[in-house]
C-alpha atoms as a PDB file:
ATOM      1  CA  UNK A   1     -19.122 -19.410   1.028  1.00  0.00           C
ATOM      2  CA  UNK A   2     -22.748 -19.974   0.106  1.00  0.00           C
ATOM      3  CA  UNK A   3     -23.859 -21.119  -3.322  1.00  0.00           C
ATOM      4  CA  UNK A   4     -24.435 -18.346  -5.862  1.00  0.00           C
ATOM      5  CA  UNK A   5     -27.075 -18.055  -8.584  1.00  0.00           C
ATOM      6  CA  UNK A   6     -26.712 -15.872 -11.664  1.00  0.00           C
ATOM      7  CA  UNK A   7     -29.826 -14.203 -13.081  1.00  0.00           C
ATOM      8  CA  UNK A   8     -30.212 -15.041 -16.774  1.00  0.00           C
ATOM      9  CA  UNK A   9     -33.121 -12.717 -17.573  1.00  0.00           C
ATOM     10  CA  UNK A  10     -35.175  -9.926 -16.015  1.00  0.00           C
ATOM     11  CA  UNK A  11     -37.467 -11.375 -13.365  1.00  0.00           C
ATOM     12  CA  UNK A  12     -38.934 -10.429  -9.970  1.00  0.00           C
ATOM     13  CA  UNK A  13     -37.151 -11.868  -6.949  1.00  0.00           C
ATOM     14  CA  UNK A  14     -40.013 -14.058  -5.701  1.00  0.00           C
ATOM     15  CA  UNK A  15     -40.396 -15.772  -9.082  1.00  0.00           C
ATOM     16  CA  UNK A  16     -36.652 -16.326  -9.343  1.00  0.00           C
ATOM     17  CA  UNK A  17     -36.533 -18.016  -5.930  1.00  0.00           C
ATOM     18  CA  UNK A  18     -39.441 -20.268  -6.839  1.00  0.00           C
ATOM     19  CA  UNK A  19     -37.934 -21.280 -10.171  1.00  0.00           C
ATOM     20  CA  UNK A  20     -34.251 -21.629  -9.425  1.00  0.00           C
ATOM     21  CA  UNK A  21     -33.874 -22.453  -5.730  1.00  0.00           C
ATOM     22  CA  UNK A  22     -35.763 -25.720  -5.790  1.00  0.00           C
ATOM     23  CA  UNK A  23     -33.719 -27.158  -2.922  1.00  0.00           C
ATOM     24  CA  UNK A  24     -35.674 -24.900  -0.521  1.00  0.00           C
ATOM     25  CA  UNK A  25     -39.357 -25.216   0.345  1.00  0.00           C
ATOM     26  CA  UNK A  26     -41.723 -22.300  -0.311  1.00  0.00           C
ATOM     27  CA  UNK A  27     -41.928 -21.668   3.429  1.00  0.00           C
ATOM     28  CA  UNK A  28     -38.136 -21.655   3.726  1.00  0.00           C
ATOM     29  CA  UNK A  29     -37.731 -19.246   0.820  1.00  0.00           C
ATOM     30  CA  UNK A  30     -40.283 -16.891   2.361  1.00  0.00           C
ATOM     31  CA  UNK A  31     -38.394 -17.082   5.649  1.00  0.00           C
ATOM     32  CA  UNK A  32     -35.082 -16.333   3.929  1.00  0.00           C
ATOM     33  CA  UNK A  33     -36.568 -13.201   2.372  1.00  0.00           C
ATOM     34  CA  UNK A  34     -38.321 -11.816   5.438  1.00  0.00           C
ATOM     35  CA  UNK A  35     -35.273 -12.426   7.655  1.00  0.00           C
ATOM     36  CA  UNK A  36     -32.859 -10.613   5.359  1.00  0.00           C
ATOM     37  CA  UNK A  37     -30.877 -13.693   4.298  1.00  0.00           C
ATOM     38  CA  UNK A  38     -31.237 -13.169   0.527  1.00  0.00           C
ATOM     39  CA  UNK A  39     -28.472 -11.064  -1.019  1.00  0.00           C
ATOM     40  CA  UNK A  40     -28.571  -9.471  -4.462  1.00  0.00           C
ATOM     41  CA  UNK A  41     -25.073  -8.448  -5.547  1.00  0.00           C
ATOM     42  CA  UNK A  42     -23.996  -8.684  -1.924  1.00  0.00           C
ATOM     43  CA  UNK A  43     -26.798  -6.486  -0.539  1.00  0.00           C
ATOM     44  CA  UNK A  44     -29.813  -7.632   1.495  1.00  0.00           C
ATOM     45  CA  UNK A  45     -33.154  -7.570  -0.333  1.00  0.00           C
ATOM     46  CA  UNK A  46     -36.474  -8.367   1.339  1.00  0.00           C
ATOM     47  CA  UNK A  47     -39.011  -7.147  -1.247  1.00  0.00           C
ATOM     48  CA  UNK A  48     -40.861  -9.988  -2.989  1.00  0.00           C
ATOM     49  CA  UNK A  49     -41.366  -7.848  -6.097  1.00  0.00           C
ATOM     50  CA  UNK A  50     -37.773  -6.588  -6.352  1.00  0.00           C
ATOM     51  CA  UNK A  51     -36.890  -6.561 -10.070  1.00  0.00           C
ATOM     52  CA  UNK A  52     -33.771  -8.566 -10.875  1.00  0.00           C
ATOM     53  CA  UNK A  53     -31.700  -7.775 -13.939  1.00  0.00           C
ATOM     54  CA  UNK A  54     -29.700 -10.087 -16.154  1.00  0.00           C
ATOM     55  CA  UNK A  55     -26.282 -10.706 -14.594  1.00  0.00           C
ATOM     56  CA  UNK A  56     -27.364 -10.063 -10.983  1.00  0.00           C
ATOM     57  CA  UNK A  57     -25.857 -12.499  -8.480  1.00  0.00           C
ATOM     58  CA  UNK A  58     -28.113 -14.055  -5.837  1.00  0.00           C
ATOM     59  CA  UNK A  59     -26.586 -15.564  -2.705  1.00  0.00           C
ATOM     60  CA  UNK A  60     -27.461 -16.300   0.911  1.00  0.00           C
ATOM     61  CA  UNK A  61     -26.169 -14.326   3.842  1.00  0.00           C
ATOM     62  CA  UNK A  62     -23.786 -16.429   5.884  1.00  0.00           C
ATOM     63  CA  UNK A  63     -23.755 -16.851   9.622  1.00  0.00           C
ATOM     64  CA  UNK A  64     -22.809 -13.522  11.168  1.00  0.00           C
ATOM     65  CA  UNK A  65     -19.176 -13.336  12.206  1.00  0.00           C
ATOM     66  CA  UNK A  66     -18.446 -10.888  15.052  1.00  0.00           C
ATOM     67  CA  UNK A  67     -16.185  -8.105  13.776  1.00  0.00           C
ATOM     68  CA  UNK A  68     -15.543  -4.406  14.206  1.00  0.00           C
ATOM     69  CA  UNK A  69     -14.903  -4.039  10.467  1.00  0.00           C
ATOM     70  CA  UNK A  70     -17.203  -1.791   8.454  1.00  0.00           C
ATOM     71  CA  UNK A  71     -17.766  -4.188   5.536  1.00  0.00           C
ATOM     72  CA  UNK A  72     -19.234  -2.533   2.443  1.00  0.00           C
ATOM     73  CA  UNK A  73     -19.337  -5.639   0.246  1.00  0.00           C
ATOM     74  CA  UNK A  74     -18.213  -9.266   0.256  1.00  0.00           C
ATOM     75  CA  UNK A  75     -18.499 -12.228  -2.088  1.00  0.00           C
ATOM     76  CA  UNK A  76     -16.431 -15.295  -2.965  1.00  0.00           C
ATOM     77  CA  UNK A  77     -13.731 -13.225  -4.633  1.00  0.00           C
ATOM     78  CA  UNK A  78     -13.374  -9.815  -2.979  1.00  0.00           C
ATOM     79  CA  UNK A  79     -14.063  -7.969   0.249  1.00  0.00           C
ATOM     80  CA  UNK A  80     -14.439  -4.187   0.428  1.00  0.00           C
ATOM     81  CA  UNK A  81     -14.255  -2.287   3.724  1.00  0.00           C
ATOM     82  CA  UNK A  82     -14.413   1.262   5.038  1.00  0.00           C
ATOM     83  CA  UNK A  83     -10.997   1.815   6.616  1.00  0.00           C
ATOM     84  CA  UNK A  84     -10.760   3.944   9.733  1.00  0.00           C
ATOM     85  CA  UNK A  85      -8.179   6.705   9.971  1.00  0.00           C
ATOM     86  CA  UNK A  86      -5.177   5.847  12.165  1.00  0.00           C
ATOM     87  CA  UNK A  87      -4.645   2.226  11.150  1.00  0.00           C
ATOM     88  CA  UNK A  88      -2.015   0.956   8.714  1.00  0.00           C
ATOM     89  CA  UNK A  89      -3.228  -0.980   5.695  1.00  0.00           C
ATOM     90  CA  UNK A  90      -0.359  -3.450   6.157  1.00  0.00           C
ATOM     91  CA  UNK A  91       2.649  -3.613   8.473  1.00  0.00           C
ATOM     92  CA  UNK A  92       6.072  -2.235   7.563  1.00  0.00           C
ATOM     93  CA  UNK A  93       9.563  -3.091   8.786  1.00  0.00           C
ATOM     94  CA  UNK A  94       9.226  -0.435  11.463  1.00  0.00           C
ATOM     95  CA  UNK A  95       5.575  -0.980  12.326  1.00  0.00           C
ATOM     96  CA  UNK A  96       4.204  -4.409  13.149  1.00  0.00           C
ATOM     97  CA  UNK A  97       1.207  -3.108  15.098  1.00  0.00           C
ATOM     98  CA  UNK A  98      -2.390  -4.027  14.427  1.00  0.00           C
ATOM     99  CA  UNK A  99      -3.201  -3.442  10.753  1.00  0.00           C
ATOM    100  CA  UNK A 100      -6.276  -3.525   8.555  1.00  0.00           C
ATOM    101  CA  UNK A 101      -4.783  -6.503   6.723  1.00  0.00           C
ATOM    102  CA  UNK A 102      -4.605  -8.439  10.005  1.00  0.00           C
ATOM    103  CA  UNK A 103      -8.183  -7.524  10.918  1.00  0.00           C
ATOM    104  CA  UNK A 104      -9.614  -8.574   7.555  1.00  0.00           C
ATOM    105  CA  UNK A 105      -7.508 -11.740   7.522  1.00  0.00           C
ATOM    106  CA  UNK A 106      -8.741 -12.637  11.008  1.00  0.00           C
ATOM    107  CA  UNK A 107     -12.329 -12.095   9.888  1.00  0.00           C
ATOM    108  CA  UNK A 108     -12.154 -14.368   6.820  1.00  0.00           C
ATOM    109  CA  UNK A 109     -10.283 -17.061   8.748  1.00  0.00           C
ATOM    110  CA  UNK A 110     -13.102 -17.187  11.324  1.00  0.00           C
ATOM    111  CA  UNK A 111     -15.276 -18.460   8.477  1.00  0.00           C
ATOM    112  CA  UNK A 112     -12.720 -20.999   7.311  1.00  0.00           C
ATOM    113  CA  UNK A 113      -9.161 -21.454   8.582  1.00  0.00           C
ATOM    114  CA  UNK A 114      -7.686 -21.780   5.086  1.00  0.00           C
ATOM    115  CA  UNK A 115      -9.187 -18.486   3.832  1.00  0.00           C
ATOM    116  CA  UNK A 116      -6.706 -15.800   2.822  1.00  0.00           C
ATOM    117  CA  UNK A 117      -6.761 -12.206   1.613  1.00  0.00           C
ATOM    118  CA  UNK A 118      -4.421 -10.293  -0.680  1.00  0.00           C
ATOM    119  CA  UNK A 119      -3.686  -6.563  -0.833  1.00  0.00           C
ATOM    120  CA  UNK A 120      -4.684  -4.876  -4.090  1.00  0.00           C
ATOM    121  CA  UNK A 121      -4.046  -1.221  -3.171  1.00  0.00           C
ATOM    122  CA  UNK A 122      -3.341   0.782  -0.015  1.00  0.00           C
ATOM    123  CA  UNK A 123      -4.484   3.854   1.853  1.00  0.00           C
ATOM    124  CA  UNK A 124      -2.144   5.906   4.020  1.00  0.00           C
ATOM    125  CA  UNK A 125      -2.385   5.231   7.753  1.00  0.00           C
ATOM    126  CA  UNK A 126      -4.275   8.446   8.485  1.00  0.00           C
ATOM    127  CA  UNK A 127      -6.555   8.272   5.425  1.00  0.00           C
ATOM    128  CA  UNK A 128      -9.993   6.684   5.822  1.00  0.00           C
ATOM    129  CA  UNK A 129     -12.374   5.211   3.270  1.00  0.00           C
ATOM    130  CA  UNK A 130     -12.912   2.530   0.637  1.00  0.00           C
ATOM    131  CA  UNK A 131     -10.306  -0.200   0.248  1.00  0.00           C
ATOM    132  CA  UNK A 132     -10.561  -3.524  -1.600  1.00  0.00           C
ATOM    133  CA  UNK A 133      -8.916  -6.896  -0.866  1.00  0.00           C
ATOM    134  CA  UNK A 134      -8.934 -10.024  -3.033  1.00  0.00           C
ATOM    135  CA  UNK A 135      -9.449 -13.538  -1.661  1.00  0.00           C
ATOM    136  CA  UNK A 136      -7.333 -15.155  -4.363  1.00  0.00           C
ATOM    137  CA  UNK A 137      -3.772 -14.361  -5.429  1.00  0.00           C
ATOM    138  CA  UNK A 138      -4.586 -14.733  -9.132  1.00  0.00           C
ATOM    139  CA  UNK A 139      -7.338 -12.127  -8.804  1.00  0.00           C
ATOM    140  CA  UNK A 140      -4.937  -9.795  -7.016  1.00  0.00           C
ATOM    141  CA  UNK A 141      -2.514 -10.060  -9.921  1.00  0.00           C
ATOM    142  CA  UNK A 142      -5.368  -9.553 -12.363  1.00  0.00           C
ATOM    143  CA  UNK A 143      -6.318  -6.318 -10.620  1.00  0.00           C
ATOM    144  CA  UNK A 144      -2.740  -5.088 -10.499  1.00  0.00           C
ATOM    145  CA  UNK A 145      -1.897  -6.085 -14.085  1.00  0.00           C
ATOM    146  CA  UNK A 146      -5.105  -4.579 -15.494  1.00  0.00           C
ATOM    147  CA  UNK A 147      -5.668  -1.753 -13.021  1.00  0.00           C
ATOM    148  CA  UNK A 148      -6.624   0.903 -15.575  1.00  0.00           C
ATOM    149  CA  UNK A 149      -9.179  -1.374 -17.238  1.00  0.00           C
ATOM    150  CA  UNK A 150     -10.761  -2.684 -14.031  1.00  0.00           C
ATOM    151  CA  UNK A 151     -10.722   0.446 -11.850  1.00  0.00           C
ATOM    152  CA  UNK A 152     -13.052   3.058 -13.367  1.00  0.00           C
ATOM    153  CA  UNK A 153     -13.001   5.785 -10.728  1.00  0.00           C
ATOM    154  CA  UNK A 154     -11.310   6.727  -7.445  1.00  0.00           C
ATOM    155  CA  UNK A 155     -12.517   9.839  -5.660  1.00  0.00           C
ATOM    156  CA  UNK A 156     -11.394  11.389  -2.382  1.00  0.00           C
ATOM    157  CA  UNK A 157     -12.726  14.209  -0.228  1.00  0.00           C
ATOM    158  CA  UNK A 158     -10.160  16.394   1.486  1.00  0.00           C
ATOM    159  CA  UNK A 159      -9.849  19.545   3.556  1.00  0.00           C
ATOM    160  CA  UNK A 160      -7.041  21.942   2.690  1.00  0.00           C
ATOM    161  CA  UNK A 161      -5.411  24.815   4.495  1.00  0.00           C
ATOM    162  CA  UNK A 162      -5.899  27.839   2.253  1.00  0.00           C
ATOM    163  CA  UNK A 163      -8.083  27.767  -0.845  1.00  0.00           C
ATOM    164  CA  UNK A 164      -6.837  26.799  -4.330  1.00  0.00           C
ATOM    165  CA  UNK A 165      -6.694  29.839  -6.628  1.00  0.00           C
ATOM    166  CA  UNK A 166      -8.669  27.982  -9.276  1.00  0.00           C
ATOM    167  CA  UNK A 167     -11.905  26.337  -8.188  1.00  0.00           C
ATOM    168  CA  UNK A 168     -11.304  23.434 -10.550  1.00  0.00           C
ATOM    169  CA  UNK A 169      -8.135  22.098 -12.148  1.00  0.00           C
ATOM    170  CA  UNK A 170      -5.629  19.297 -12.740  1.00  0.00           C
ATOM    171  CA  UNK A 171      -2.200  18.798 -11.193  1.00  0.00           C
ATOM    172  CA  UNK A 172       0.303  16.845 -13.326  1.00  0.00           C
ATOM    173  CA  UNK A 173       3.538  15.906 -11.580  1.00  0.00           C
ATOM    174  CA  UNK A 174       6.431  13.457 -11.719  1.00  0.00           C
ATOM    175  CA  UNK A 175       6.977  11.964  -8.277  1.00  0.00           C
ATOM    176  CA  UNK A 176      10.036  10.455  -6.630  1.00  0.00           C
ATOM    177  CA  UNK A 177      10.667   9.144  -3.111  1.00  0.00           C
ATOM    178  CA  UNK A 178      13.837   9.840  -1.118  1.00  0.00           C
ATOM    179  CA  UNK A 179      15.602   7.661   1.453  1.00  0.00           C
ATOM    180  CA  UNK A 180      13.433   9.147   4.209  1.00  0.00           C
ATOM    181  CA  UNK A 181      10.260   7.921   2.431  1.00  0.00           C
ATOM    182  CA  UNK A 182       9.331  11.489   1.507  1.00  0.00           C
ATOM    183  CA  UNK A 183       7.559  11.742  -1.841  1.00  0.00           C
ATOM    184  CA  UNK A 184       8.342  14.889  -3.803  1.00  0.00           C
ATOM    185  CA  UNK A 185       7.698  16.388  -7.217  1.00  0.00           C
ATOM    186  CA  UNK A 186      10.650  16.589  -9.591  1.00  0.00           C
ATOM    187  CA  UNK A 187      11.123  18.857 -12.604  1.00  0.00           C
ATOM    188  CA  UNK A 188      12.386  16.076 -14.835  1.00  0.00           C
ATOM    189  CA  UNK A 189      10.451  13.080 -16.113  1.00  0.00           C
ATOM    190  CA  UNK A 190      12.527  10.588 -14.142  1.00  0.00           C
ATOM    191  CA  UNK A 191       9.744  10.178 -11.615  1.00  0.00           C
ATOM    192  CA  UNK A 192       6.375   8.423 -11.874  1.00  0.00           C
ATOM    193  CA  UNK A 193       3.699  10.490 -13.585  1.00  0.00           C
ATOM    194  CA  UNK A 194       0.824  11.508 -11.312  1.00  0.00           C
ATOM    195  CA  UNK A 195      -2.394  13.134 -12.532  1.00  0.00           C
ATOM    196  CA  UNK A 196      -4.775  14.570  -9.931  1.00  0.00           C
ATOM    197  CA  UNK A 197      -8.043  16.325 -10.796  1.00  0.00           C
ATOM    198  CA  UNK A 198      -9.602  18.542  -8.123  1.00  0.00           C
ATOM    199  CA  UNK A 199     -12.686  20.682  -7.513  1.00  0.00           C
ATOM    200  CA  UNK A 200     -13.431  22.973  -4.588  1.00  0.00           C
ATOM    201  CA  UNK A 201     -16.845  22.083  -3.152  1.00  0.00           C
ATOM    202  CA  UNK A 202     -16.978  24.537  -0.243  1.00  0.00           C
ATOM    203  CA  UNK A 203     -14.736  27.123   1.379  1.00  0.00           C
ATOM    204  CA  UNK A 204     -14.886  29.495   4.312  1.00  0.00           C
ATOM    205  CA  UNK A 205     -11.994  31.860   3.676  1.00  0.00           C
ATOM    206  CA  UNK A 206      -9.519  29.709   5.580  1.00  0.00           C
ATOM    207  CA  UNK A 207     -10.181  26.108   4.586  1.00  0.00           C
ATOM    208  CA  UNK A 208     -11.558  24.378   1.503  1.00  0.00           C
ATOM    209  CA  UNK A 209     -13.503  21.144   1.099  1.00  0.00           C
ATOM    210  CA  UNK A 210     -12.126  19.596  -2.084  1.00  0.00           C
ATOM    211  CA  UNK A 211     -13.047  16.593  -4.215  1.00  0.00           C
ATOM    212  CA  UNK A 212     -10.122  14.798  -5.844  1.00  0.00           C
ATOM    213  CA  UNK A 213     -10.251  12.259  -8.666  1.00  0.00           C
ATOM    214  CA  UNK A 214      -7.167  10.190  -9.406  1.00  0.00           C
ATOM    215  CA  UNK A 215      -6.166   9.366 -12.940  1.00  0.00           C
ATOM    216  CA  UNK A 216      -3.068   7.600 -11.565  1.00  0.00           C
ATOM    217  CA  UNK A 217      -2.454   5.912  -8.220  1.00  0.00           C
ATOM    218  CA  UNK A 218       0.876   7.048  -6.779  1.00  0.00           C
ATOM    219  CA  UNK A 219       2.008   7.033  -3.170  1.00  0.00           C
ATOM    220  CA  UNK A 220       1.022  10.283  -1.386  1.00  0.00           C
ATOM    221  CA  UNK A 221      -0.180  11.650  -4.742  1.00  0.00           C
ATOM    222  CA  UNK A 222      -2.954  13.890  -3.387  1.00  0.00           C
ATOM    223  CA  UNK A 223      -0.840  15.107  -0.487  1.00  0.00           C
ATOM    224  CA  UNK A 224       2.000  16.223  -2.794  1.00  0.00           C
ATOM    225  CA  UNK A 225      -0.471  17.809  -5.239  1.00  0.00           C
ATOM    226  CA  UNK A 226      -2.009  19.854  -2.429  1.00  0.00           C
ATOM    227  CA  UNK A 227       1.414  20.997  -1.266  1.00  0.00           C
ATOM    228  CA  UNK A 228       2.243  22.166  -4.799  1.00  0.00           C
ATOM    229  CA  UNK A 229      -0.988  24.210  -4.839  1.00  0.00           C
ATOM    230  CA  UNK A 230       0.076  25.925  -1.623  1.00  0.00           C
ATOM    231  CA  UNK A 231      -2.860  24.255   0.086  1.00  0.00           C
ATOM    232  CA  UNK A 232      -1.647  21.278   2.167  1.00  0.00           C
ATOM    233  CA  UNK A 233      -4.224  18.929   3.636  1.00  0.00           C
ATOM    234  CA  UNK A 234      -5.099  19.820   7.220  1.00  0.00           C
ATOM    235  CA  UNK A 235      -3.169  17.687   9.686  1.00  0.00           C
ATOM    236  CA  UNK A 236      -0.518  16.820   7.102  1.00  0.00           C
ATOM    237  CA  UNK A 237       2.631  18.140   8.809  1.00  0.00           C
ATOM    238  CA  UNK A 238       4.792  15.971   6.558  1.00  0.00           C
ATOM    239  CA  UNK A 239       3.750  18.097   3.583  1.00  0.00           C
ATOM    240  CA  UNK A 240       3.588  21.508   5.185  1.00  0.00           C
ATOM    241  CA  UNK A 241       0.329  21.751   7.133  1.00  0.00           C
ATOM    242  CA  UNK A 242       0.395  23.996  10.196  1.00  0.00           C
ATOM    243  CA  UNK A 243      -3.069  23.297  11.579  1.00  0.00           C
ATOM    244  CA  UNK A 244      -5.203  20.288  12.451  1.00  0.00           C
ATOM    245  CA  UNK A 245      -8.738  21.482  13.247  1.00  0.00           C
ATOM    246  CA  UNK A 246     -10.299  18.012  12.795  1.00  0.00           C
ATOM    247  CA  UNK A 247      -7.581  16.150  14.753  1.00  0.00           C
ATOM    248  CA  UNK A 248      -6.756  13.778  11.893  1.00  0.00           C
ATOM    249  CA  UNK A 249      -5.495  13.927   8.316  1.00  0.00           C
ATOM    250  CA  UNK A 250      -8.094  15.653   6.157  1.00  0.00           C
ATOM    251  CA  UNK A 251      -8.383  12.955   3.497  1.00  0.00           C
ATOM    252  CA  UNK A 252     -11.094  10.335   2.906  1.00  0.00           C
ATOM    253  CA  UNK A 253     -11.408   7.806   0.044  1.00  0.00           C
ATOM    254  CA  UNK A 254     -15.074   8.341  -0.760  1.00  0.00           C
ATOM    255  CA  UNK A 255     -15.678   6.469  -4.035  1.00  0.00           C
ATOM    256  CA  UNK A 256     -14.224   3.370  -5.679  1.00  0.00           C
ATOM    257  CA  UNK A 257     -15.757   2.088  -8.913  1.00  0.00           C
ATOM    258  CA  UNK A 258     -14.423  -1.102 -10.475  1.00  0.00           C
ATOM    259  CA  UNK A 259     -15.278  -3.968 -12.762  1.00  0.00           C
ATOM    260  CA  UNK A 260     -15.595  -7.246 -10.887  1.00  0.00           C
ATOM    261  CA  UNK A 261     -12.783  -9.460 -12.251  1.00  0.00           C
ATOM    262  CA  UNK A 262     -14.965 -12.602 -12.198  1.00  0.00           C
ATOM    263  CA  UNK A 263     -18.592 -11.541 -12.761  1.00  0.00           C
ATOM    264  CA  UNK A 264     -17.612  -8.499 -14.887  1.00  0.00           C
ATOM    265  CA  UNK A 265     -20.254  -6.414 -13.113  1.00  0.00           C
ATOM    266  CA  UNK A 266     -19.564  -2.736 -12.531  1.00  0.00           C
ATOM    267  CA  UNK A 267     -19.425  -2.182  -8.766  1.00  0.00           C
ATOM    268  CA  UNK A 268     -19.766   1.262  -7.183  1.00  0.00           C
ATOM    269  CA  UNK A 269     -18.644   1.620  -3.563  1.00  0.00           C
ATOM    270  CA  UNK A 270     -19.237   4.823  -1.624  1.00  0.00           C
ATOM    271  CA  UNK A 271     -18.241   5.781   1.908  1.00  0.00           C
ATOM    272  CA  UNK A 272     -19.902   8.782   3.518  1.00  0.00           C
ATOM    273  CA  UNK A 273     -17.477  11.556   4.301  1.00  0.00           C
ATOM    274  CA  UNK A 274     -16.852  11.809   8.085  1.00  0.00           C
ATOM    275  CA  UNK A 275     -19.086  14.408   9.732  1.00  0.00           C
ATOM    276  CA  UNK A 276     -16.030  16.169  11.171  1.00  0.00           C
ATOM    277  CA  UNK A 277     -15.091  17.217   7.633  1.00  0.00           C
ATOM    278  CA  UNK A 278     -18.247  19.360   7.411  1.00  0.00           C
ATOM    279  CA  UNK A 279     -18.046  20.990  10.829  1.00  0.00           C
ATOM    280  CA  UNK A 280     -15.658  23.615   9.493  1.00  0.00           C
ATOM    281  CA  UNK A 281     -18.196  24.745   6.914  1.00  0.00           C
END
């Protein structure tokens, strides 16, 4: 990975490069800017007068590695991608097919053979959207041990069959999983507590476009919540759906906001909702 520079005070980008990247000539620094090689917090910046803030991280874009991954962000510690629907996050005992984990691992190893990635959280096979991997096992554990402190927001966009009776509400359930890997809500508190907030954004009399925000992160949490509302996600036969007008599961992880475990910056990742979700409305 390229060397990183932390901004200590508010300053415009050109002045920062001149003051703190003395190993490069003025001509080279100008070339780096105009050719989109300078990254601020992992994003390309080409404006000379771009205003840097204290705590911003400056780095250089590495040699492009060929990949089909939709990479939203990458630094020395984490990599965030937009997962496609239809691919497993990681293989299971029954499924050893191509997985997102394998694709991301292959990508980082093309940069350096010893590079590794570690799973922090998962998305269901047929769910698309934002997913984060760590490049260090200690950081993975840090995320998992301090999930509620580091992860500030997780939002999903879904399409349901039928329309929730209340436009806005919260579903609180206790979830268990049976021997057939079916997650279900139980009346007692022996299961894992799941809290799902939802809001109907659009509806057409038959389907609803719904935003979900998770207060907990349980397996199939949104899918079970929708079933309990009498409004299963389209394409979700496992939880009672009868129709599939968009030819995929109607669930997309749209927003993931977290505190970077190393730089302590608040990072906000957003994935545009697939256009097919809006065709019904």
